[in-house]
Structure formats: C-alpha cells, structure tokens
C-alpha cells in the first residue's frame, strides 16, 4: 500500500528533467554519466530530431556518445540548449 510505480523511460522523455541531470553531470565533471543519461534519453526519443534541432550532424551525435567519444563544449551546449528550449 502506498507504493507507486516509477517509469524511468517516461522521465527520460521529459527534456527539462534530462537537461537538469546533464547540467548536474557537467558541474560534477562526470562526463561518463552525462553520456549515459543522454544516450538513455535518445533511446526513448528521436535522435535524428534532436541532432537536427541542435545543428549537430547525426554522425557526430553518435560519435560523441561512443565509449571513446569526447564531446566538445560547443556540442554539449547545443544539446542542453535544445533540451531546455
């Protein structure tokens, strides 16, 4: 009684929640968590749409999320800006 279900995928579709989590990762200098959260968000939303809105080539978006990816500050800013818009 009193227990509610929690749907993580549903929360990952809410851009402002994702943007806040990404911002906190940057503050904490946790780039791996940043990439994990963004990758999870993109799994439940439209990757192509975000890449286009952010002005980032789709290939660049996927490359920056790879284990060896090293996103630029410019691209990180574009992504967070689009999530907050």
N, C-alpha and C. Protein backbone atom coordinates (compact mmCIF):
# COMPACT_ATOMS: atom_id res chain seq x y z
N UNK A 1 0.84 -1.17 0.00
CA UNK A 1 0.00 0.00 0.00
C UNK A 1 0.89 1.24 0.00
N UNK A 2 0.54 2.21 -0.83
CA UNK A 2 1.30 3.44 -0.89
C UNK A 2 2.49 3.39 -1.83
N UNK A 3 2.73 2.26 -2.45
CA UNK A 3 3.86 2.14 -3.38
C UNK A 3 3.37 2.49 -4.77
N UNK A 4 4.09 3.36 -5.43
CA UNK A 4 3.74 3.72 -6.79
C UNK A 4 4.82 3.22 -7.74
N UNK A 5 4.40 2.95 -8.95
CA UNK A 5 5.37 2.50 -9.95
C UNK A 5 6.13 3.71 -10.47
N UNK A 6 7.36 3.48 -10.84
CA UNK A 6 8.22 4.54 -11.34
C UNK A 6 8.74 4.11 -12.69
N UNK A 7 8.41 4.85 -13.71
CA UNK A 7 8.81 4.53 -15.06
C UNK A 7 9.97 5.43 -15.49
N UNK A 8 11.16 4.87 -15.49
CA UNK A 8 12.35 5.65 -15.83
C UNK A 8 12.27 6.15 -17.27
N UNK A 9 11.81 5.30 -18.18
CA UNK A 9 11.73 5.70 -19.59
C UNK A 9 10.83 6.92 -19.76
N UNK A 10 9.77 6.98 -18.98
CA UNK A 10 8.87 8.13 -19.06
C UNK A 10 9.58 9.42 -18.62
N UNK A 11 10.36 9.33 -17.56
CA UNK A 11 11.11 10.50 -17.09
C UNK A 11 12.17 10.93 -18.10
N UNK A 12 12.73 9.96 -18.80
CA UNK A 12 13.77 10.27 -19.79
C UNK A 12 13.22 10.95 -21.03
N UNK A 13 11.90 11.00 -21.18
CA UNK A 13 11.31 11.71 -22.31
C UNK A 13 11.04 13.18 -21.98
N UNK A 14 11.23 13.56 -20.73
CA UNK A 14 10.97 14.93 -20.29
C UNK A 14 12.26 15.75 -20.43
N UNK A 15 12.34 16.58 -21.47
CA UNK A 15 13.59 17.29 -21.77
C UNK A 15 14.14 18.12 -20.61
N UNK A 16 13.30 18.78 -19.86
CA UNK A 16 13.83 19.64 -18.80
C UNK A 16 14.44 18.82 -17.67
N UNK A 17 13.89 17.66 -17.39
CA UNK A 17 14.48 16.80 -16.37
C UNK A 17 15.83 16.28 -16.85
N UNK A 18 15.88 15.88 -18.12
CA UNK A 18 17.13 15.39 -18.70
C UNK A 18 18.17 16.51 -18.73
N UNK A 19 17.75 17.70 -19.12
CA UNK A 19 18.68 18.84 -19.16
C UNK A 19 19.26 19.13 -17.78
N UNK A 20 18.42 19.07 -16.75
CA UNK A 20 18.90 19.31 -15.38
C UNK A 20 19.91 18.24 -14.97
N UNK A 21 19.62 16.99 -15.30
CA UNK A 21 20.54 15.90 -14.97
C UNK A 21 21.87 16.08 -15.71
N UNK A 22 21.80 16.47 -16.97
CA UNK A 22 23.02 16.69 -17.74
C UNK A 22 23.83 17.84 -17.16
N UNK A 23 23.14 18.90 -16.77
CA UNK A 23 23.82 20.06 -16.17
C UNK A 23 24.54 19.63 -14.89
N UNK A 24 23.88 18.84 -14.07
CA UNK A 24 24.50 18.37 -12.82
C UNK A 24 25.72 17.51 -13.11
N UNK A 25 25.67 16.71 -14.16
CA UNK A 25 26.83 15.91 -14.54
C UNK A 25 28.01 16.81 -14.91
N UNK A 26 27.72 17.89 -15.63
CA UNK A 26 28.80 18.81 -16.00
C UNK A 26 29.38 19.48 -14.77
N UNK A 27 28.54 19.89 -13.85
CA UNK A 27 29.01 20.52 -12.61
C UNK A 27 29.90 19.56 -11.84
N UNK A 28 29.52 18.28 -11.82
CA UNK A 28 30.29 17.27 -11.09
C UNK A 28 31.46 16.71 -11.91
N UNK A 29 31.61 17.18 -13.14
CA UNK A 29 32.66 16.70 -14.04
C UNK A 29 32.56 15.20 -14.27
N UNK A 30 31.33 14.72 -14.42
CA UNK A 30 31.08 13.30 -14.65
C UNK A 30 30.62 13.11 -16.09
N UNK A 31 31.57 13.10 -17.00
CA UNK A 31 31.27 13.02 -18.43
C UNK A 31 30.66 11.66 -18.78
N UNK A 32 31.10 10.60 -18.12
CA UNK A 32 30.53 9.28 -18.42
C UNK A 32 29.04 9.25 -18.06
N UNK A 33 28.67 9.78 -16.92
CA UNK A 33 27.25 9.84 -16.54
C UNK A 33 26.48 10.71 -17.53
N UNK A 34 27.09 11.82 -17.96
CA UNK A 34 26.47 12.69 -18.96
C UNK A 34 26.14 11.88 -20.21
N UNK A 35 27.13 11.14 -20.71
CA UNK A 35 26.91 10.36 -21.93
C UNK A 35 25.87 9.27 -21.70
N UNK A 36 25.89 8.63 -20.53
CA UNK A 36 24.91 7.58 -20.24
C UNK A 36 23.49 8.14 -20.20
N UNK A 37 23.31 9.28 -19.56
CA UNK A 37 21.98 9.89 -19.47
C UNK A 37 21.50 10.33 -20.86
N UNK A 38 22.37 10.98 -21.61
CA UNK A 38 21.99 11.44 -22.95
C UNK A 38 21.68 10.24 -23.84
N UNK A 39 22.50 9.21 -23.78
CA UNK A 39 22.27 8.00 -24.58
C UNK A 39 20.92 7.38 -24.22
N UNK A 40 20.61 7.31 -22.93
CA UNK A 40 19.33 6.76 -22.48
C UNK A 40 18.17 7.62 -22.96
N UNK A 41 18.33 8.94 -22.90
CA UNK A 41 17.30 9.84 -23.39
C UNK A 41 17.05 9.61 -24.88
N UNK A 42 18.12 9.47 -25.63
CA UNK A 42 17.98 9.29 -27.07
C UNK A 42 17.39 7.94 -27.44
N UNK A 43 17.50 6.96 -26.56
CA UNK A 43 16.90 5.65 -26.82
C UNK A 43 15.38 5.71 -26.77
N UNK A 44 14.83 6.65 -26.00
CA UNK A 44 13.37 6.75 -25.86
C UNK A 44 12.79 7.93 -26.63
N UNK A 45 13.64 8.69 -27.33
CA UNK A 45 13.17 9.82 -28.13
C UNK A 45 13.75 9.71 -29.53
N UNK A 46 13.55 10.74 -30.33
CA UNK A 46 14.00 10.75 -31.71
C UNK A 46 15.40 11.37 -31.82
N UNK A 47 16.40 10.55 -32.07
CA UNK A 47 17.79 11.01 -32.18
C UNK A 47 17.97 11.99 -33.34
N UNK A 48 17.38 11.65 -34.47
CA UNK A 48 17.54 12.50 -35.65
C UNK A 48 16.95 13.89 -35.42
N UNK A 49 15.82 13.93 -34.73
CA UNK A 49 15.16 15.21 -34.47
C UNK A 49 16.04 16.10 -33.58
N UNK A 50 16.60 15.53 -32.52
CA UNK A 50 17.47 16.31 -31.63
C UNK A 50 18.71 16.79 -32.37
N UNK A 51 19.33 15.90 -33.14
CA UNK A 51 20.54 16.27 -33.89
C UNK A 51 20.23 17.43 -34.84
N UNK A 52 19.12 17.34 -35.54
CA UNK A 52 18.75 18.39 -36.49
C UNK A 52 18.46 19.71 -35.77
N UNK A 53 17.67 19.65 -34.70
CA UNK A 53 17.33 20.87 -33.96
C UNK A 53 18.57 21.52 -33.35
N UNK A 54 19.52 20.69 -32.91
CA UNK A 54 20.73 21.21 -32.27
C UNK A 54 21.78 21.66 -33.30
N UNK A 55 21.57 21.31 -34.55
CA UNK A 55 22.53 21.68 -35.58
C UNK A 55 23.80 20.85 -35.51
N UNK A 56 23.65 19.61 -35.05
CA UNK A 56 24.78 18.69 -34.94
C UNK A 56 24.54 17.55 -35.93
N UNK A 57 25.53 17.22 -36.75
CA UNK A 57 25.35 16.08 -37.64
C UNK A 57 25.04 14.81 -36.83
N UNK A 58 24.14 14.02 -37.35
CA UNK A 58 23.73 12.79 -36.65
C UNK A 58 24.94 11.92 -36.31
N UNK A 59 25.85 11.82 -37.23
CA UNK A 59 27.05 11.01 -37.03
C UNK A 59 27.88 11.53 -35.84
N UNK A 60 27.97 12.87 -35.73
CA UNK A 60 28.71 13.48 -34.63
C UNK A 60 28.04 13.15 -33.30
N UNK A 61 26.71 13.21 -33.29
CA UNK A 61 25.97 12.90 -32.07
C UNK A 61 26.27 11.47 -31.62
N UNK A 62 26.23 10.52 -32.53
CA UNK A 62 26.51 9.13 -32.17
C UNK A 62 27.97 8.94 -31.77
N UNK A 63 28.87 9.63 -32.46
CA UNK A 63 30.30 9.50 -32.14
C UNK A 63 30.59 10.02 -30.73
N UNK A 64 29.96 11.14 -30.37
CA UNK A 64 30.25 11.71 -29.05
C UNK A 64 29.68 10.87 -27.92
N UNK A 65 28.73 9.99 -28.23
CA UNK A 65 28.15 9.11 -27.21
C UNK A 65 28.87 7.76 -27.13
N UNK A 66 29.79 7.53 -28.04
CA UNK A 66 30.52 6.26 -28.01
C UNK A 66 31.45 6.23 -26.79
N UNK A 67 31.89 5.05 -26.38
CA UNK A 67 32.79 4.96 -25.22
C UNK A 67 34.06 5.81 -25.37
N UNK A 68 34.54 5.98 -26.61
CA UNK A 68 35.73 6.79 -26.83
C UNK A 68 35.37 8.25 -27.13
N UNK A 69 34.09 8.54 -27.20
CA UNK A 69 33.64 9.89 -27.56
C UNK A 69 34.10 10.94 -26.56
N UNK A 70 34.42 12.10 -27.10
CA UNK A 70 34.86 13.22 -26.28
C UNK A 70 34.13 14.46 -26.79
N UNK A 71 32.88 14.66 -26.31
CA UNK A 71 32.08 15.77 -26.84
C UNK A 71 32.71 17.13 -26.60
N UNK A 72 32.58 18.01 -27.57
CA UNK A 72 33.10 19.36 -27.41
C UNK A 72 32.11 20.17 -26.55
N UNK A 73 32.61 21.21 -25.95
CA UNK A 73 31.76 22.09 -25.16
C UNK A 73 30.68 22.71 -26.04
N UNK A 74 31.04 23.03 -27.26
CA UNK A 74 30.07 23.62 -28.19
C UNK A 74 28.90 22.67 -28.43
N UNK A 75 29.19 21.40 -28.69
CA UNK A 75 28.12 20.43 -28.94
C UNK A 75 27.30 20.16 -27.68
N UNK A 76 27.96 20.10 -26.53
CA UNK A 76 27.22 19.92 -25.28
C UNK A 76 26.26 21.07 -25.05
N UNK A 77 26.73 22.27 -25.32
CA UNK A 77 25.89 23.46 -25.16
C UNK A 77 24.68 23.41 -26.09
N UNK A 78 24.89 22.99 -27.32
CA UNK A 78 23.79 22.89 -28.29
C UNK A 78 22.74 21.91 -27.83
N UNK A 79 23.18 20.78 -27.31
CA UNK A 79 22.24 19.76 -26.86
C UNK A 79 21.44 20.25 -25.66
N UNK A 80 22.11 20.79 -24.68
CA UNK A 80 21.40 21.27 -23.48
C UNK A 80 20.46 22.42 -23.86
N UNK A 81 20.90 23.29 -24.75
CA UNK A 81 20.04 24.39 -25.19
C UNK A 81 18.74 23.84 -25.81
N UNK A 82 18.85 22.84 -26.65
CA UNK A 82 17.66 22.29 -27.29
C UNK A 82 16.75 21.58 -26.30
N UNK A 83 17.33 20.94 -25.30
CA UNK A 83 16.50 20.28 -24.29
C UNK A 83 15.76 21.28 -23.44
N UNK A 84 16.34 22.46 -23.24
CA UNK A 84 15.70 23.49 -22.42
C UNK A 84 14.75 24.37 -23.21
N UNK A 85 14.85 24.32 -24.54
CA UNK A 85 14.03 25.21 -25.39
C UNK A 85 12.57 24.81 -25.39
